[in-house]
Amino acid sequence: MKSYKCLSNQVIEFDNFKIVPLRYEDRLDILKWRNEQIYHLRQNKLLTVEDQENYFNIIVDKLFNQEQPNQILFSYLEKDVCIGYGGLVHINWIDKNAEISFIMDTALEKDNFHANWTKYLSLIEKVAFEDLKLHKIFTYAFDLRPHLYFALQDANFIEETRLKEHCLFDGKFIDVVIHSKINNRC
């Protein structure tokens, strides 16, 4: 398993769930999920296997050795099987904040969306607040999945702002909703 130079704890666990530094072996599952869920991602085209290989070999591989990478990505596992991935992205080391990114296996969304989101949030929060000592973490979400807001609220995130008609989606402008959480441990 690769490890991030910037983290003292590489594996964060709770019950049968854990996040580990992004595994190369999960890249094709992640590719599939990203393409299936393109509607809510900031991704403007379907990814190819070549795109994914390049991303892992050129972008992701460099992150592990950086003192302050702009993103820290994880495979999200249940009983050691990858069922999602995400991380802290757009990390601002000066202002001590980062955006949370997460997608799960599309097949799990219907019945396990809330449970997986809240478990993942508790794990990534430990990385952000306990290990990295960030001040704030937040989500940036197209207003397409209102069930996401319930998981965020249950994890004590607050709706910080709504950017009205901020993105063009399917021929109409939609809002972007930002939820955040402040580190009260510092």
C-alpha atoms as a PDB file:
ATOM      1  CA  MET A   1       0.000   0.000   0.000  1.00  0.00           C
ATOM      2  CA  LYS A   2       1.292   3.459  -0.888  1.00  0.00           C
ATOM      3  CA  SER A   3       1.332   6.098   1.808  1.00  0.00           C
ATOM      4  CA  TYR A   4       0.989   9.860   1.915  1.00  0.00           C
ATOM      5  CA  LYS A   5       4.040  11.698   3.198  1.00  0.00           C
ATOM      6  CA  CYS A   6       1.767  14.383   4.688  1.00  0.00           C
ATOM      7  CA  LEU A   7      -0.257  11.950   6.853  1.00  0.00           C
ATOM      8  CA  SER A   8       0.753  10.274  10.072  1.00  0.00           C
ATOM      9  CA  ASN A   9      -2.214   7.864   9.896  1.00  0.00           C
ATOM     10  CA  GLN A  10      -2.668   6.146   6.545  1.00  0.00           C
ATOM     11  CA  VAL A  11      -5.675   3.994   7.456  1.00  0.00           C
ATOM     12  CA  ILE A  12      -8.746   5.316   9.255  1.00  0.00           C
ATOM     13  CA  GLU A  13     -11.249   2.658  10.367  1.00  0.00           C
ATOM     14  CA  PHE A  14     -14.693   2.402  11.902  1.00  0.00           C
ATOM     15  CA  ASP A  15     -16.420  -0.972  12.226  1.00  0.00           C
ATOM     16  CA  ASN A  16     -16.118  -2.754   8.865  1.00  0.00           C
ATOM     17  CA  PHE A  17     -15.346   0.471   6.986  1.00  0.00           C
ATOM     18  CA  LYS A  18     -12.071   2.232   6.325  1.00  0.00           C
ATOM     19  CA  ILE A  19     -10.332   4.660   4.061  1.00  0.00           C
ATOM     20  CA  VAL A  20      -6.853   3.893   2.759  1.00  0.00           C
ATOM     21  CA  PRO A  21      -4.592   5.811   0.367  1.00  0.00           C
ATOM     22  CA  LEU A  22      -6.054   5.526  -3.124  1.00  0.00           C
ATOM     23  CA  ARG A  23      -5.266   2.101  -4.540  1.00  0.00           C
ATOM     24  CA  TYR A  24      -4.273   1.610  -8.164  1.00  0.00           C
ATOM     25  CA  GLU A  25      -6.251  -1.639  -8.208  1.00  0.00           C
ATOM     26  CA  ASP A  26      -9.512   0.324  -7.727  1.00  0.00           C
ATOM     27  CA  ARG A  27      -9.027   2.582 -10.761  1.00  0.00           C
ATOM     28  CA  LEU A  28     -11.361   0.729 -13.157  1.00  0.00           C
ATOM     29  CA  ASP A  29     -14.201   0.534 -10.638  1.00  0.00           C
ATOM     30  CA  ILE A  30     -13.759   4.255  -9.998  1.00  0.00           C
ATOM     31  CA  LEU A  31     -13.786   4.917 -13.751  1.00  0.00           C
ATOM     32  CA  LYS A  32     -17.072   3.018 -14.073  1.00  0.00           C
ATOM     33  CA  TRP A  33     -18.713   4.879 -11.168  1.00  0.00           C
ATOM     34  CA  ARG A  34     -17.532   8.291 -12.393  1.00  0.00           C
ATOM     35  CA  ASN A  35     -18.950   7.642 -15.847  1.00  0.00           C
ATOM     36  CA  GLU A  36     -22.249   6.354 -14.431  1.00  0.00           C
ATOM     37  CA  GLN A  37     -22.573   9.393 -12.163  1.00  0.00           C
ATOM     38  CA  ILE A  38     -21.214  12.073 -14.488  1.00  0.00           C
ATOM     39  CA  TYR A  39     -24.425  14.116 -14.048  1.00  0.00           C
ATOM     40  CA  HIS A  40     -23.417  15.324 -10.568  1.00  0.00           C
ATOM     41  CA  LEU A  41     -19.647  15.528 -11.040  1.00  0.00           C
ATOM     42  CA  ARG A  42     -17.510  18.341 -12.416  1.00  0.00           C
ATOM     43  CA  GLN A  43     -16.553  16.064 -15.284  1.00  0.00           C
ATOM     44  CA  ASN A  44     -17.521  17.136 -18.794  1.00  0.00           C
ATOM     45  CA  LYS A  45     -16.933  13.897 -20.727  1.00  0.00           C
ATOM     46  CA  LEU A  46     -16.933  10.167 -20.237  1.00  0.00           C
ATOM     47  CA  LEU A  47     -13.537   8.918 -19.116  1.00  0.00           C
ATOM     48  CA  THR A  48     -11.627   6.264 -21.026  1.00  0.00           C
ATOM     49  CA  VAL A  49      -9.336   3.623 -19.602  1.00  0.00           C
ATOM     50  CA  GLU A  50      -6.442   5.629 -21.064  1.00  0.00           C
ATOM     51  CA  ASP A  51      -7.664   8.778 -19.257  1.00  0.00           C
ATOM     52  CA  GLN A  52      -7.808   6.855 -16.001  1.00  0.00           C
ATOM     53  CA  GLU A  53      -4.367   5.293 -16.442  1.00  0.00           C
ATOM     54  CA  ASN A  54      -2.885   8.716 -17.167  1.00  0.00           C
ATOM     55  CA  TYR A  55      -4.622  10.248 -14.157  1.00  0.00           C
ATOM     56  CA  PHE A  56      -3.293   7.584 -11.797  1.00  0.00           C
ATOM     57  CA  ASN A  57       0.219   7.496 -13.275  1.00  0.00           C
ATOM     58  CA  ILE A  58       0.741  11.222 -13.801  1.00  0.00           C
ATOM     59  CA  ILE A  59      -1.409  12.995 -11.186  1.00  0.00           C
ATOM     60  CA  VAL A  60      -2.151  10.601  -8.324  1.00  0.00           C
ATOM     61  CA  ASP A  61       1.274   9.012  -8.125  1.00  0.00           C
ATOM     62  CA  LYS A  62       2.941  12.392  -7.409  1.00  0.00           C
ATOM     63  CA  LEU A  63       0.571  13.168  -4.518  1.00  0.00           C
ATOM     64  CA  PHE A  64       2.037  10.545  -2.209  1.00  0.00           C
ATOM     65  CA  ASN A  65       5.442  12.226  -1.894  1.00  0.00           C
ATOM     66  CA  GLN A  66       4.327  15.835  -1.530  1.00  0.00           C
ATOM     67  CA  GLU A  67       4.448  17.676   1.803  1.00  0.00           C
ATOM     68  CA  GLN A  68       1.349  19.686   0.878  1.00  0.00           C
ATOM     69  CA  PRO A  69      -0.501  18.054  -2.018  1.00  0.00           C
ATOM     70  CA  ASN A  70      -3.516  19.834  -3.490  1.00  0.00           C
ATOM     71  CA  GLN A  71      -5.564  16.682  -2.949  1.00  0.00           C
ATOM     72  CA  ILE A  72      -5.397  13.552  -0.814  1.00  0.00           C
ATOM     73  CA  LEU A  73      -7.448  10.673  -2.216  1.00  0.00           C
ATOM     74  CA  PHE A  74      -8.646   7.462  -0.610  1.00  0.00           C
ATOM     75  CA  SER A  75     -10.269   4.176  -1.496  1.00  0.00           C
ATOM     76  CA  TYR A  76     -13.339   3.656   0.711  1.00  0.00           C
ATOM     77  CA  LEU A  77     -13.567   0.007   1.765  1.00  0.00           C
ATOM     78  CA  GLU A  78     -16.138  -2.217   3.371  1.00  0.00           C
ATOM     79  CA  LYS A  79     -14.553  -5.436   4.624  1.00  0.00           C
ATOM     80  CA  ASP A  80     -11.529  -4.653   2.422  1.00  0.00           C
ATOM     81  CA  VAL A  81     -13.625  -4.340  -0.766  1.00  0.00           C
ATOM     82  CA  CYS A  82     -13.606  -0.950  -2.482  1.00  0.00           C
ATOM     83  CA  ILE A  83     -17.126   0.484  -2.557  1.00  0.00           C
ATOM     84  CA  GLY A  84     -16.233   4.131  -3.158  1.00  0.00           C
ATOM     85  CA  TYR A  85     -13.534   6.713  -3.278  1.00  0.00           C
ATOM     86  CA  GLY A  86     -12.958  10.322  -2.408  1.00  0.00           C
ATOM     87  CA  GLY A  87     -10.812  12.612  -0.410  1.00  0.00           C
ATOM     88  CA  LEU A  88      -9.872  16.144   0.393  1.00  0.00           C
ATOM     89  CA  VAL A  89      -9.484  18.217  -2.769  1.00  0.00           C
ATOM     90  CA  HIS A  90      -8.662  21.832  -3.565  1.00  0.00           C
ATOM     91  CA  ILE A  91      -6.726  21.873  -0.297  1.00  0.00           C
ATOM     92  CA  ASN A  92      -5.807  25.382   0.782  1.00  0.00           C
ATOM     93  CA  TRP A  93      -2.875  24.898   3.149  1.00  0.00           C
ATOM     94  CA  ILE A  94      -2.620  28.601   4.007  1.00  0.00           C
ATOM     95  CA  ASP A  95      -6.262  29.041   5.007  1.00  0.00           C
ATOM     96  CA  LYS A  96      -6.495  25.452   6.297  1.00  0.00           C
ATOM     97  CA  ASN A  97      -9.549  24.316   4.388  1.00  0.00           C
ATOM     98  CA  ALA A  98     -10.456  21.663   1.838  1.00  0.00           C
ATOM     99  CA  GLU A  99     -13.374  20.450  -0.207  1.00  0.00           C
ATOM    100  CA  ILE A 100     -14.677  16.944   0.427  1.00  0.00           C
ATOM    101  CA  SER A 101     -15.071  14.658  -2.556  1.00  0.00           C
ATOM    102  CA  PHE A 102     -16.842  11.290  -2.497  1.00  0.00           C
ATOM    103  CA  ILE A 103     -18.633   8.873  -4.790  1.00  0.00           C
ATOM    104  CA  MET A 104     -19.694   5.331  -4.084  1.00  0.00           C
ATOM    105  CA  ASP A 105     -20.507   2.282  -6.122  1.00  0.00           C
ATOM    106  CA  THR A 106     -23.574   3.316  -8.111  1.00  0.00           C
ATOM    107  CA  ALA A 107     -25.358   0.075  -7.165  1.00  0.00           C
ATOM    108  CA  LEU A 108     -25.238   1.112  -3.482  1.00  0.00           C
ATOM    109  CA  GLU A 109     -26.767   4.540  -3.943  1.00  0.00           C
ATOM    110  CA  LYS A 110     -30.436   3.530  -3.835  1.00  0.00           C
ATOM    111  CA  ASP A 111     -30.419   1.699  -0.490  1.00  0.00           C
ATOM    112  CA  ASN A 112     -27.161   2.709   1.199  1.00  0.00           C
ATOM    113  CA  PHE A 113     -26.540   6.319   0.164  1.00  0.00           C
ATOM    114  CA  HIS A 114     -27.136   7.922   3.570  1.00  0.00           C
ATOM    115  CA  ALA A 115     -25.293   5.255   5.571  1.00  0.00           C
ATOM    116  CA  ASN A 116     -22.214   5.322   3.342  1.00  0.00           C
ATOM    117  CA  TRP A 117     -22.069   9.102   3.161  1.00  0.00           C
ATOM    118  CA  THR A 118     -22.272   9.513   6.942  1.00  0.00           C
ATOM    119  CA  LYS A 119     -19.646   6.786   7.534  1.00  0.00           C
ATOM    120  CA  TYR A 120     -17.353   8.311   4.939  1.00  0.00           C
ATOM    121  CA  LEU A 121     -17.791  11.811   6.394  1.00  0.00           C
ATOM    122  CA  SER A 122     -16.809  10.605   9.861  1.00  0.00           C
ATOM    123  CA  LEU A 123     -13.663   8.964   8.439  1.00  0.00           C
ATOM    124  CA  ILE A 124     -12.561  11.888   6.255  1.00  0.00           C
ATOM    125  CA  GLU A 125     -13.239  14.312   9.101  1.00  0.00           C
ATOM    126  CA  LYS A 126     -10.673  12.463  11.216  1.00  0.00           C
ATOM    127  CA  VAL A 127      -8.074  12.913   8.488  1.00  0.00           C
ATOM    128  CA  ALA A 128      -8.915  16.588   8.011  1.00  0.00           C
ATOM    129  CA  PHE A 129      -9.271  17.672  11.622  1.00  0.00           C
ATOM    130  CA  GLU A 130      -7.128  15.272  13.652  1.00  0.00           C
ATOM    131  CA  ASP A 131      -4.235  14.518  11.315  1.00  0.00           C
ATOM    132  CA  LEU A 132      -4.012  17.592   9.072  1.00  0.00           C
ATOM    133  CA  LYS A 133      -5.424  20.057  11.628  1.00  0.00           C
ATOM    134  CA  LEU A 134      -7.506  21.811   8.976  1.00  0.00           C
ATOM    135  CA  HIS A 135      -9.851  24.530  10.170  1.00  0.00           C
ATOM    136  CA  LYS A 136     -12.747  23.871   7.780  1.00  0.00           C
ATOM    137  CA  ILE A 137     -14.028  21.231   5.386  1.00  0.00           C
ATOM    138  CA  PHE A 138     -16.864  21.717   2.920  1.00  0.00           C
ATOM    139  CA  THR A 139     -18.848  20.181   0.093  1.00  0.00           C
ATOM    140  CA  TYR A 140     -19.674  21.822  -3.226  1.00  0.00           C
ATOM    141  CA  ALA A 141     -22.706  20.103  -4.738  1.00  0.00           C
ATOM    142  CA  PHE A 142     -24.946  20.722  -7.703  1.00  0.00           C
ATOM    143  CA  ASP A 143     -28.501  20.975  -6.396  1.00  0.00           C
ATOM    144  CA  LEU A 144     -29.483  17.647  -7.932  1.00  0.00           C
ATOM    145  CA  ARG A 145     -29.388  15.246  -4.993  1.00  0.00           C
ATOM    146  CA  PRO A 146     -31.382  16.617  -2.048  1.00  0.00           C
ATOM    147  CA  HIS A 147     -30.881  13.350  -0.120  1.00  0.00           C
ATOM    148  CA  LEU A 148     -27.204  14.336   0.169  1.00  0.00           C
ATOM    149  CA  TYR A 149     -28.175  17.258   2.407  1.00  0.00           C
ATOM    150  CA  PHE A 150     -29.757  14.946   4.995  1.00  0.00           C
ATOM    151  CA  ALA A 151     -26.509  12.968   5.316  1.00  0.00           C
ATOM    152  CA  LEU A 152     -24.535  16.198   5.656  1.00  0.00           C
ATOM    153  CA  GLN A 153     -26.918  17.553   8.282  1.00  0.00           C
ATOM    154  CA  ASP A 154     -26.753  14.271  10.229  1.00  0.00           C
ATOM    155  CA  ALA A 155     -22.955  14.647  10.215  1.00  0.00           C
ATOM    156  CA  ASN A 156     -23.358  18.178  11.648  1.00  0.00           C
ATOM    157  CA  PHE A 157     -22.488  20.075   8.497  1.00  0.00           C
ATOM    158  CA  ILE A 158     -24.356  23.326   7.985  1.00  0.00           C
ATOM    159  CA  GLU A 159     -25.614  24.794   4.742  1.00  0.00           C
ATOM    160  CA  GLU A 160     -23.284  27.726   4.417  1.00  0.00           C
ATOM    161  CA  THR A 161     -24.437  29.178   1.141  1.00  0.00           C
ATOM    162  CA  ARG A 162     -26.409  28.590  -1.996  1.00  0.00           C
ATOM    163  CA  LEU A 163     -25.002  29.946  -5.235  1.00  0.00           C
ATOM    164  CA  LYS A 164     -28.123  30.725  -7.236  1.00  0.00           C
ATOM    165  CA  GLU A 165     -28.257  29.492 -10.841  1.00  0.00           C
ATOM    166  CA  HIS A 166     -24.504  28.938 -10.727  1.00  0.00           C
ATOM    167  CA  CYS A 167     -24.122  26.035 -13.201  1.00  0.00           C
ATOM    168  CA  LEU A 168     -25.702  25.181 -16.527  1.00  0.00           C
ATOM    169  CA  PHE A 169     -27.109  21.662 -16.354  1.00  0.00           C
ATOM    170  CA  ASP A 170     -29.212  19.969 -19.006  1.00  0.00           C
ATOM    171  CA  GLY A 171     -30.118  23.300 -20.588  1.00  0.00           C
ATOM    172  CA  LYS A 172     -31.065  25.129 -17.399  1.00  0.00           C
ATOM    173  CA  PHE A 173     -29.210  26.920 -14.639  1.00  0.00           C
ATOM    174  CA  ILE A 174     -29.132  25.194 -11.252  1.00  0.00           C
ATOM    175  CA  ASP A 175     -27.922  26.159  -7.806  1.00  0.00           C
ATOM    176  CA  VAL A 176     -24.757  24.975  -6.136  1.00  0.00           C
ATOM    177  CA  VAL A 177     -25.064  24.264  -2.415  1.00  0.00           C
ATOM    178  CA  ILE A 178     -22.092  24.489  -0.078  1.00  0.00           C
ATOM    179  CA  HIS A 179     -22.176  22.741   3.300  1.00  0.00           C
ATOM    180  CA  SER A 180     -19.338  23.126   5.772  1.00  0.00           C
ATOM    181  CA  LYS A 181     -18.009  22.089   9.136  1.00  0.00           C
ATOM    182  CA  ILE A 182     -15.527  23.923  11.325  1.00  0.00           C
ATOM    183  CA  ASN A 183     -12.867  22.128  13.354  1.00  0.00           C
ATOM    184  CA  ASN A 184     -13.796  22.735  16.992  1.00  0.00           C
ATOM    185  CA  ARG A 185     -10.943  20.507  18.211  1.00  0.00           C
ATOM    186  CA  CYS A 186      -8.267  23.211  17.798  1.00  0.00           C
END
